Protein backbone atom coordinates (compact mmCIF):
# COMPACT_ATOMS: atom_id res chain seq x y z
CA UNK A 1 235.60 79.31 -20.82
CA UNK A 2 238.92 77.65 -21.42
CA UNK A 3 239.02 76.09 -25.05
CA UNK A 4 242.57 74.59 -24.56
CA UNK A 5 242.13 70.92 -25.50
CA UNK A 6 243.21 68.58 -22.63
CA UNK A 7 245.48 65.84 -22.94
CA UNK A 8 244.49 63.31 -20.14
CA UNK A 9 246.97 60.66 -21.26
CA UNK A 10 249.82 63.32 -20.55
CA UNK A 11 248.48 65.17 -17.56
CA UNK A 12 249.46 63.98 -14.00
CA UNK A 13 246.63 62.63 -11.63
CA UNK A 14 246.01 64.03 -8.28
CA UNK A 15 247.73 60.84 -6.98
CA UNK A 16 250.70 61.22 -9.06
CA UNK A 17 251.01 64.75 -7.76
CA UNK A 18 250.81 63.56 -4.23
CA UNK A 19 253.29 60.98 -4.82
CA UNK A 20 255.61 63.41 -6.24
CA UNK A 21 255.14 65.73 -3.26
CA UNK A 22 256.05 62.88 -0.96
CA UNK A 23 259.09 61.62 -2.96
CA UNK A 24 260.42 65.20 -3.27
CA UNK A 25 260.01 65.92 0.54
CA UNK A 26 261.97 62.89 1.49
CA UNK A 27 264.75 63.67 -0.99
CA UNK A 28 264.91 67.36 0.05
CA UNK A 29 265.59 66.28 3.57
CA UNK A 30 267.63 63.36 3.07
CA UNK A 31 269.33 63.63 -0.51
CA UNK A 32 270.39 67.29 -1.00
CA UNK A 33 272.27 67.56 -4.36
CA UNK A 34 274.59 70.05 -2.81
CA UNK A 35 276.16 67.51 -0.55
CA UNK A 36 276.43 64.81 -3.18
CA UNK A 37 279.86 65.92 -4.89
CA UNK A 38 281.80 65.29 -1.58
CA UNK A 39 280.01 61.81 -1.02
CA UNK A 40 280.59 60.40 -4.53
CA UNK A 41 284.13 60.75 -3.78
CA UNK A 42 284.05 58.23 -0.85
CA UNK A 43 281.96 54.97 -0.40
CA UNK A 44 279.22 57.25 1.14
CA UNK A 45 277.25 58.06 -2.05
CA UNK A 46 274.82 55.29 -1.47
CA UNK A 47 272.45 55.78 1.66
CA UNK A 48 270.85 52.51 2.60
CA UNK A 49 268.60 54.35 5.06
CA UNK A 50 267.37 56.56 2.25
CA UNK A 51 266.73 53.38 0.20
CA UNK A 52 264.59 51.88 3.05
CA UNK A 53 262.75 55.15 3.32
CA UNK A 54 261.84 55.42 -0.20
CA UNK A 55 261.55 51.63 -1.23
CA UNK A 56 260.06 50.05 1.88
CA UNK A 57 258.56 52.71 4.16
CA UNK A 58 257.06 54.81 1.11
CA UNK A 59 256.30 51.75 -0.80
CA UNK A 60 257.70 52.99 -4.03
CA UNK A 61 259.65 49.69 -4.59
CA UNK A 62 256.32 47.86 -5.13
CA UNK A 63 254.63 50.16 -7.50
CA UNK A 64 254.87 47.79 -10.53
CA UNK A 65 254.07 44.71 -8.43
CA UNK A 66 250.32 43.57 -8.35
CA UNK A 67 248.73 43.99 -4.81
CA UNK A 68 248.18 40.06 -4.67
CA UNK A 69 251.94 39.64 -4.72
CA UNK A 70 252.28 42.26 -2.03
CA UNK A 71 253.12 45.27 -4.13
CA UNK A 72 251.12 48.65 -4.62
CA UNK A 73 249.32 47.68 -7.82
CA UNK A 74 250.22 50.89 -9.47
CA UNK A 75 251.40 51.61 -13.14
CA UNK A 76 254.38 52.83 -14.87
CA UNK A 77 252.89 56.11 -14.82
CA UNK A 78 253.41 56.28 -11.00
CA UNK A 79 256.96 54.72 -11.25
CA UNK A 80 257.72 57.60 -13.74
CA UNK A 81 257.06 60.14 -11.43
CA UNK A 82 259.43 58.65 -8.76
CA UNK A 83 262.06 58.48 -11.46
CA UNK A 84 261.45 62.24 -12.29
CA UNK A 85 262.23 63.13 -8.91
CA UNK A 86 265.14 60.65 -8.57
CA UNK A 87 266.43 62.29 -11.78
CA UNK A 88 266.07 65.93 -10.22
CA UNK A 89 268.43 64.86 -7.29
CA UNK A 90 270.80 62.43 -9.25
CA UNK A 91 270.07 60.17 -6.26
CA UNK A 92 272.36 57.41 -6.05
CA UNK A 93 269.76 54.52 -5.51
CA UNK A 94 268.97 51.23 -7.41
CA UNK A 95 265.40 52.25 -8.31
CA UNK A 96 265.69 52.10 -12.15
CA UNK A 97 267.61 48.90 -12.10
CA UNK A 98 265.66 46.77 -9.36
CA UNK A 99 262.11 48.29 -9.03
CA UNK A 100 261.65 48.76 -12.55
CA UNK A 101 263.73 46.59 -14.72
CA UNK A 102 264.32 43.56 -12.63
CA UNK A 103 260.78 43.65 -11.18
CA UNK A 104 259.30 43.87 -14.77
CA UNK A 105 261.49 41.04 -15.99
CA UNK A 106 260.47 38.72 -13.07
CA UNK A 107 256.89 39.54 -13.57
CA UNK A 108 257.09 38.75 -17.14
CA UNK A 109 258.95 35.54 -16.37
CA UNK A 110 256.12 34.56 -13.86
CA UNK A 111 258.44 34.77 -10.94
CA UNK A 112 256.04 36.72 -8.80
CA UNK A 113 257.39 35.42 -5.47
CA UNK A 114 260.64 36.98 -6.15
CA UNK A 115 258.95 40.09 -7.39
CA UNK A 116 256.84 40.33 -4.19
CA UNK A 117 260.17 40.16 -2.15
CA UNK A 118 261.47 43.15 -4.19
CA UNK A 119 258.26 45.09 -3.55
CA UNK A 120 259.11 45.27 0.08
CA UNK A 121 262.08 47.09 -0.60
CA UNK A 122 264.20 45.03 1.45
CA UNK A 123 265.89 42.95 -1.33
CA UNK A 124 267.42 44.63 -4.34
CA UNK A 125 267.74 42.61 -7.68
CA UNK A 126 269.64 43.43 -10.80
CA UNK A 127 269.47 42.06 -14.54
CA UNK A 128 273.04 41.06 -15.20
CA UNK A 129 273.21 42.58 -18.62
CA UNK A 130 275.31 45.54 -19.73
CA UNK A 131 273.75 48.82 -18.99
CA UNK A 132 274.06 49.74 -22.69
CA UNK A 133 271.78 46.60 -23.65
CA UNK A 134 268.60 48.11 -25.29
CA UNK A 135 265.16 46.21 -25.85
CA UNK A 136 265.27 44.01 -28.85
CA UNK A 137 269.16 44.42 -28.91
CA UNK A 138 271.91 42.18 -27.56
CA UNK A 139 275.87 42.88 -27.48
CA UNK A 140 277.77 41.47 -30.49
CA UNK A 141 279.18 38.22 -29.75
CA UNK A 142 282.68 39.28 -30.73
CA UNK A 143 282.92 42.51 -29.12
CA UNK A 144 283.12 43.23 -25.25
CA UNK A 145 280.37 44.93 -23.72
CA UNK A 146 280.54 48.59 -22.51
CA UNK A 147 282.00 48.98 -19.04
CA UNK A 148 282.61 52.84 -19.00
CA UNK A 149 280.11 55.41 -20.58
CA UNK A 150 282.34 58.02 -22.27
CA UNK A 151 281.57 61.25 -23.97
CA UNK A 152 284.84 60.99 -26.13
CA UNK A 153 284.32 57.22 -27.23
CA UNK A 154 280.91 55.61 -27.44
CA UNK A 155 280.63 52.39 -25.95
CA UNK A 156 280.07 49.29 -28.25
CA UNK A 157 276.40 49.06 -29.02
CA UNK A 158 274.20 45.91 -29.62
CA UNK A 159 273.12 45.11 -33.12
CA UNK A 160 269.46 46.18 -33.86
CA UNK A 161 268.37 42.87 -35.50
CA UNK A 162 269.10 40.26 -32.50
CA UNK A 163 266.67 39.54 -29.68
CA UNK A 164 267.34 40.78 -26.10
CA UNK A 165 268.94 37.63 -24.58
CA UNK A 166 272.38 39.12 -23.71
CA UNK A 167 273.23 35.60 -22.83
CA UNK A 168 276.61 34.85 -21.85
CA UNK A 169 278.15 31.50 -21.67
CA UNK A 170 277.20 29.63 -18.58
CA UNK A 171 279.59 31.25 -15.85
CA UNK A 172 281.06 33.65 -18.07
CA UNK A 173 281.56 37.47 -17.02
CA UNK A 174 279.06 40.15 -17.83
CA UNK A 175 280.64 43.66 -17.67
CA UNK A 176 278.93 46.98 -17.52
CA UNK A 177 276.23 45.91 -15.13
CA UNK A 178 274.74 48.92 -13.33
CA UNK A 179 274.24 48.62 -9.37
CA UNK A 180 275.53 45.10 -9.29
CA UNK A 181 277.19 46.18 -6.01
CA UNK A 182 273.86 47.17 -4.26
CA UNK A 183 272.00 43.84 -5.29
CA UNK A 184 271.12 40.81 -3.20
CA UNK A 185 270.12 38.78 -6.25
CA UNK A 186 271.41 38.72 -9.72
CA UNK A 187 269.15 37.88 -12.42
CA UNK A 188 271.50 35.92 -14.87
CA UNK A 189 270.52 34.90 -18.47
CA UNK A 190 271.95 31.78 -19.60
CA UNK A 191 271.34 29.70 -22.83
CA UNK A 192 268.73 27.68 -21.19
CA UNK A 193 266.74 30.27 -19.28
CA UNK A 194 266.67 32.98 -16.69
CA UNK A 195 268.22 32.28 -13.15
CA UNK A 196 268.28 33.94 -9.85
CA UNK A 197 271.58 33.78 -8.31
CA UNK A 198 272.44 34.93 -4.74
CA UNK A 199 275.06 37.99 -5.11
CA UNK A 200 277.12 36.18 -2.54
CA UNK A 201 277.89 33.40 -5.10
CA UNK A 202 279.23 35.81 -7.71
CA UNK A 203 282.32 37.95 -8.19
CA UNK A 204 281.91 41.52 -8.88
CA UNK A 205 284.85 43.58 -10.28
CA UNK A 206 284.10 47.22 -10.02
CA UNK A 207 284.57 49.56 -12.93
CA UNK A 208 285.11 53.37 -12.85
CA UNK A 209 282.07 54.76 -14.61
CA UNK A 210 281.63 58.29 -15.77
CA UNK A 211 278.42 58.67 -13.61
CA UNK A 212 279.65 58.12 -10.09
CA UNK A 213 276.03 57.78 -8.73
CA UNK A 214 275.34 54.73 -10.75
CA UNK A 215 278.14 52.25 -10.20
CA UNK A 216 279.24 49.74 -12.85
CA UNK A 217 280.87 46.07 -12.27
CA UNK A 218 281.78 43.03 -14.06
CA UNK A 219 279.70 40.27 -12.84
CA UNK A 220 280.83 36.52 -12.97
CA UNK A 221 278.12 34.34 -11.56
CA UNK A 222 279.73 31.18 -9.74
CA UNK A 223 276.51 29.58 -8.40
CA UNK A 224 273.76 27.65 -10.24
CA UNK A 225 271.02 29.71 -8.89
CA UNK A 226 267.47 28.96 -9.08
CA UNK A 227 266.02 28.52 -12.51
CA UNK A 228 262.99 30.93 -13.26
CA UNK A 229 262.25 30.47 -16.86
CA UNK A 230 263.15 28.57 -19.80
CA UNK A 231 264.96 30.23 -22.78
CA UNK A 232 262.05 31.42 -24.79
CA UNK A 233 260.38 32.93 -21.64
CA UNK A 234 263.48 34.32 -20.38
CA UNK A 235 264.01 36.17 -23.92
CA UNK A 236 260.75 37.61 -23.78
CA UNK A 237 261.04 38.59 -20.05
CA UNK A 238 264.20 40.31 -20.46
CA UNK A 239 262.93 42.17 -23.44
CA UNK A 240 260.07 43.56 -21.21
CA UNK A 241 262.23 44.46 -18.41
CA UNK A 242 264.76 46.37 -20.75
CA UNK A 243 261.70 48.12 -22.72
CA UNK A 244 260.22 49.41 -19.20
CA UNK A 245 263.64 50.47 -18.41
CA UNK A 246 264.32 52.48 -21.60
CA UNK A 247 260.87 53.86 -21.31
CA UNK A 248 261.14 54.99 -17.79
CA UNK A 249 264.74 56.20 -18.10
CA UNK A 250 263.23 58.98 -20.14
CA UNK A 251 261.39 60.38 -16.86
CA UNK A 252 264.81 60.16 -15.29
CA UNK A 253 266.29 62.13 -17.99
CA UNK A 254 263.58 64.47 -17.81
CA UNK A 255 263.97 65.08 -14.18
CA UNK A 256 267.75 65.80 -14.68
CA UNK A 257 266.66 68.27 -17.49
CA UNK A 258 264.14 70.14 -15.28
CA UNK A 259 266.64 70.65 -12.37
CA UNK A 260 269.39 72.01 -14.91
CA UNK A 261 266.84 74.44 -16.36
CA UNK A 262 265.61 75.44 -12.81
CA UNK A 263 269.16 75.91 -11.66
CA UNK A 264 270.22 77.99 -14.31
CA UNK A 265 267.36 80.20 -14.23
CA UNK A 266 267.96 80.45 -10.30
CA UNK A 267 271.54 81.23 -10.84
CA UNK A 268 271.39 83.89 -13.67
CA UNK A 269 268.60 85.73 -11.61
CA UNK A 270 271.29 85.93 -8.67
CA UNK A 271 274.34 86.59 -10.51
CA UNK A 272 274.88 90.17 -11.36
CA UNK A 273 277.01 91.94 -14.03
CA UNK A 274 277.13 95.70 -14.84
CA UNK A 275 274.55 96.03 -12.03
CA UNK A 276 272.14 93.86 -13.91
CA UNK A 277 271.22 89.99 -13.23
CA UNK A 278 272.75 88.22 -16.10
CA UNK A 279 269.45 86.48 -16.57
CA UNK A 280 268.19 89.67 -17.90
CA UNK A 281 270.49 89.84 -20.91
CA UNK A 282 268.49 88.97 -24.13
CA UNK A 283 270.96 86.35 -25.38
CA UNK A 284 270.82 84.31 -22.13
CA UNK A 285 266.84 84.84 -22.12
CA UNK A 286 266.63 83.34 -25.52
CA UNK A 287 268.85 80.23 -24.64
CA UNK A 288 266.81 79.49 -21.39
CA UNK A 289 263.59 80.03 -23.32
CA UNK A 290 264.73 77.46 -26.06
CA UNK A 291 265.69 75.06 -23.31
CA UNK A 292 262.22 75.51 -21.49
CA UNK A 293 260.46 74.40 -24.83
CA UNK A 294 262.85 71.36 -25.14
CA UNK A 295 261.88 70.29 -21.54
CA UNK A 296 258.26 70.68 -22.29
CA UNK A 297 258.58 68.60 -25.42
CA UNK A 298 260.75 65.97 -23.21
CA UNK A 299 257.95 65.80 -20.71
CA UNK A 300 255.24 64.95 -23.32
CA UNK A 301 257.46 62.26 -24.79
CA UNK A 302 258.37 60.71 -21.32
CA UNK A 303 254.71 60.86 -20.11
CA UNK A 304 253.41 59.30 -23.36
CA UNK A 305 255.97 56.35 -22.94
CA UNK A 306 255.12 55.80 -19.46
CA UNK A 307 251.48 55.85 -20.41
CA UNK A 308 251.98 53.27 -23.27
CA UNK A 309 253.62 51.04 -20.76
CA UNK A 310 251.06 51.43 -18.27
CA UNK A 311 248.28 50.63 -20.84
CA UNK A 312 250.30 47.65 -22.29
CA UNK A 313 249.82 49.45 -25.62
CA UNK A 314 251.09 47.65 -28.77
CA UNK A 315 252.65 51.03 -29.63
CA UNK A 316 254.79 51.02 -26.43
CA UNK A 317 258.09 50.12 -28.50
CA UNK A 318 257.26 52.91 -30.70
CA UNK A 319 256.74 55.52 -27.75
CA UNK A 320 259.70 54.21 -25.85
CA UNK A 321 261.98 54.58 -28.71
CA UNK A 322 260.63 58.21 -29.51
CA UNK A 323 260.98 59.01 -25.79
CA UNK A 324 264.59 57.89 -25.75
CA UNK A 325 265.71 59.67 -28.91
CA UNK A 326 264.41 62.95 -27.68
CA UNK A 327 264.84 62.96 -23.81
CA UNK A 328 268.40 61.72 -24.08
CA UNK A 329 269.35 64.76 -26.12
CA UNK A 330 267.43 67.18 -23.96
CA UNK A 331 269.07 65.97 -20.87
CA UNK A 332 272.56 66.44 -22.09
CA UNK A 333 271.81 69.71 -23.64
CA UNK A 334 270.20 71.01 -20.50
CA UNK A 335 273.12 70.11 -18.34
CA UNK A 336 275.70 71.47 -20.87
CA UNK A 337 273.73 74.72 -20.73
CA UNK A 338 273.58 74.64 -16.96
CA UNK A 339 277.31 74.19 -16.78
CA UNK A 340 277.93 77.21 -19.36
CA UNK A 341 275.57 79.52 -17.61
CA UNK A 342 276.99 79.03 -14.17
CA UNK A 343 280.30 80.36 -15.58
CA UNK A 344 283.54 79.47 -13.63
CA UNK A 345 281.65 77.99 -10.70
CA UNK A 346 279.88 75.38 -13.10
CA UNK A 347 283.65 74.04 -13.90
CA UNK A 348 284.09 73.33 -10.23
CA UNK A 349 283.78 69.86 -8.54
CA UNK A 350 282.18 71.57 -5.67
CA UNK A 351 279.05 72.32 -7.66
CA UNK A 352 276.94 69.55 -8.27
CA UNK A 353 276.05 70.47 -11.71
CA UNK A 354 278.73 68.21 -13.28
CA UNK A 355 277.07 65.27 -11.70
CA UNK A 356 274.14 66.09 -13.81
CA UNK A 357 276.00 66.31 -16.87
CA UNK A 358 277.74 62.89 -16.17
CA UNK A 359 274.34 61.30 -15.39
CA UNK A 360 273.00 62.72 -18.58
CA UNK A 361 275.89 61.43 -20.80
CA UNK A 362 275.86 58.20 -19.07
CA UNK A 363 272.15 57.84 -19.50
CA UNK A 364 272.58 58.68 -23.06
CA UNK A 365 273.71 55.07 -23.86
CA UNK A 366 271.84 53.40 -21.08
CA UNK A 367 269.37 50.76 -22.46
CA UNK A 368 270.40 51.67 -26.21
CA UNK A 369 271.88 54.76 -27.59
CA UNK A 370 269.91 57.30 -29.56
CA UNK A 371 271.10 56.02 -32.63
CA UNK A 372 269.79 52.42 -31.93
CA UNK A 373 266.38 53.97 -31.14
CA UNK A 374 266.31 55.86 -34.24
CA UNK A 375 266.84 52.49 -36.06
CA UNK A 376 264.04 51.02 -34.03
CA UNK A 377 261.74 53.90 -34.90
CA UNK A 378 262.48 53.70 -38.54
CA UNK A 379 261.91 49.85 -38.47
CA UNK A 380 258.53 50.26 -36.64
CA UNK A 381 257.20 53.02 -39.13
CA UNK A 382 258.71 51.11 -42.17
CA UNK A 383 260.94 53.88 -43.18
CA UNK A 384 264.70 53.82 -44.12
CA UNK A 385 266.56 54.87 -40.90
CA UNK A 386 270.20 55.85 -40.19
CA UNK A 387 272.76 53.11 -40.19
CA UNK A 388 274.64 52.83 -36.80
CA UNK A 389 278.05 51.18 -37.01
CA UNK A 390 279.48 51.67 -33.50
C-alpha cells in the first residue's frame, strides 16, 4: 500500500498530460531548438504556420476563453502546461503575451467579443505596457521604461505601491513592449480607459533585446482606437492580465529549467574523459542532483500559482509572487549550469543553450523582478521586506 500523501492541487490531470503530449509532438516536429540559433539571427525566428497550428488548429489560444465566446473553456492550469512546453523549446510565439495577458485583460474588461477573436488564433493582441511591468506596479513617471533586459544592468523597475495602470499620456510612446511586432491589435491604456488600437495605426520602433526569441519594441499609437473600458475598469483589468502573465510565466521558466537539466544530463552521459562519462564524476553528480531538487520545487511553485489563478483564489497574488521569486532564480541557475556542464561547446553560438540562458535572464525581469515580488510577498504576509531601489 502506498502511504505517500497525494497533492491533487499540484498533480497533472489526464487531460493535461494529453495536452502536453500534443503540444510537445507539434514542437518536436516544427520547432527544434537545435535549428533556432540560426533562425534568430534572421527574420525567420517567428513561424506564422507554427502559430496557426498551435493557436488555431490545436485551439491553445482559446484555453482561457469561455466556450460561449468561442474558446475552450479551460483554465490557467491547461495554459500553464502549454507554456511549460513552449519554455522547453524557447519557442518564439506570442502565446504568453496574447493568449494569456491580453486575453485575461480583455475578459476582465468585459471585452468578450475581442477575446473570442483571439481564441481563434487568427488574431494576436498585445497589452502595450513595458514587459517589466508587474502586477500592482507601474513604471516611475520620471524614469524611462526598460527596453532591453540586461544581465549587467537591471532595467528600471516600477514602484511597489502604485496600481498597474501603466498609462502613458495619450499618444505617448511605450517602450519595451514584448511581441508588439507580431500583434494585430494593441491594447493601449490611456488616462480615461483601455483602448483597442489596430496595429496598422501605431508606429513600432524595434529594440535589440537580450532574448532574441521575444522581440521588444517602442509603441506609439496614433489611432484613437475603440474604447473597451473606463479608467477604473481598465486598471483592474490590466492588473488581472499582468497577474496571470506573472503566474504563468513561472511555468515557462519551469520548462526552461527542465530542458536545461535534461540536456545537461544527456551531454554529461555522452561526453567522456579518462575513459569515463563526465557525468559519473561525483562533483558533477552533486551539481545535477541539486539542480533536480530545485526544478522539483519550481514545479510545485508554478503549479500552485496556476492552480490559484484557475480557482480564482484570493491567495493568487501570494502564490504568483512566490512562484516568480523561486522560478526565476531556478531557470537562470539551470541555464548557467547547462552552459558550464557543456564545456566549450556550451559557449558557442551554434548550440541552443545560450538562447535558454538569455530567455531565463530576460524572464527574470518580465512582469516584475524577483525583488519586486519579494516586496509583494512581504506586504501580503505583513512582514518587513527588502527595499528595492532600482
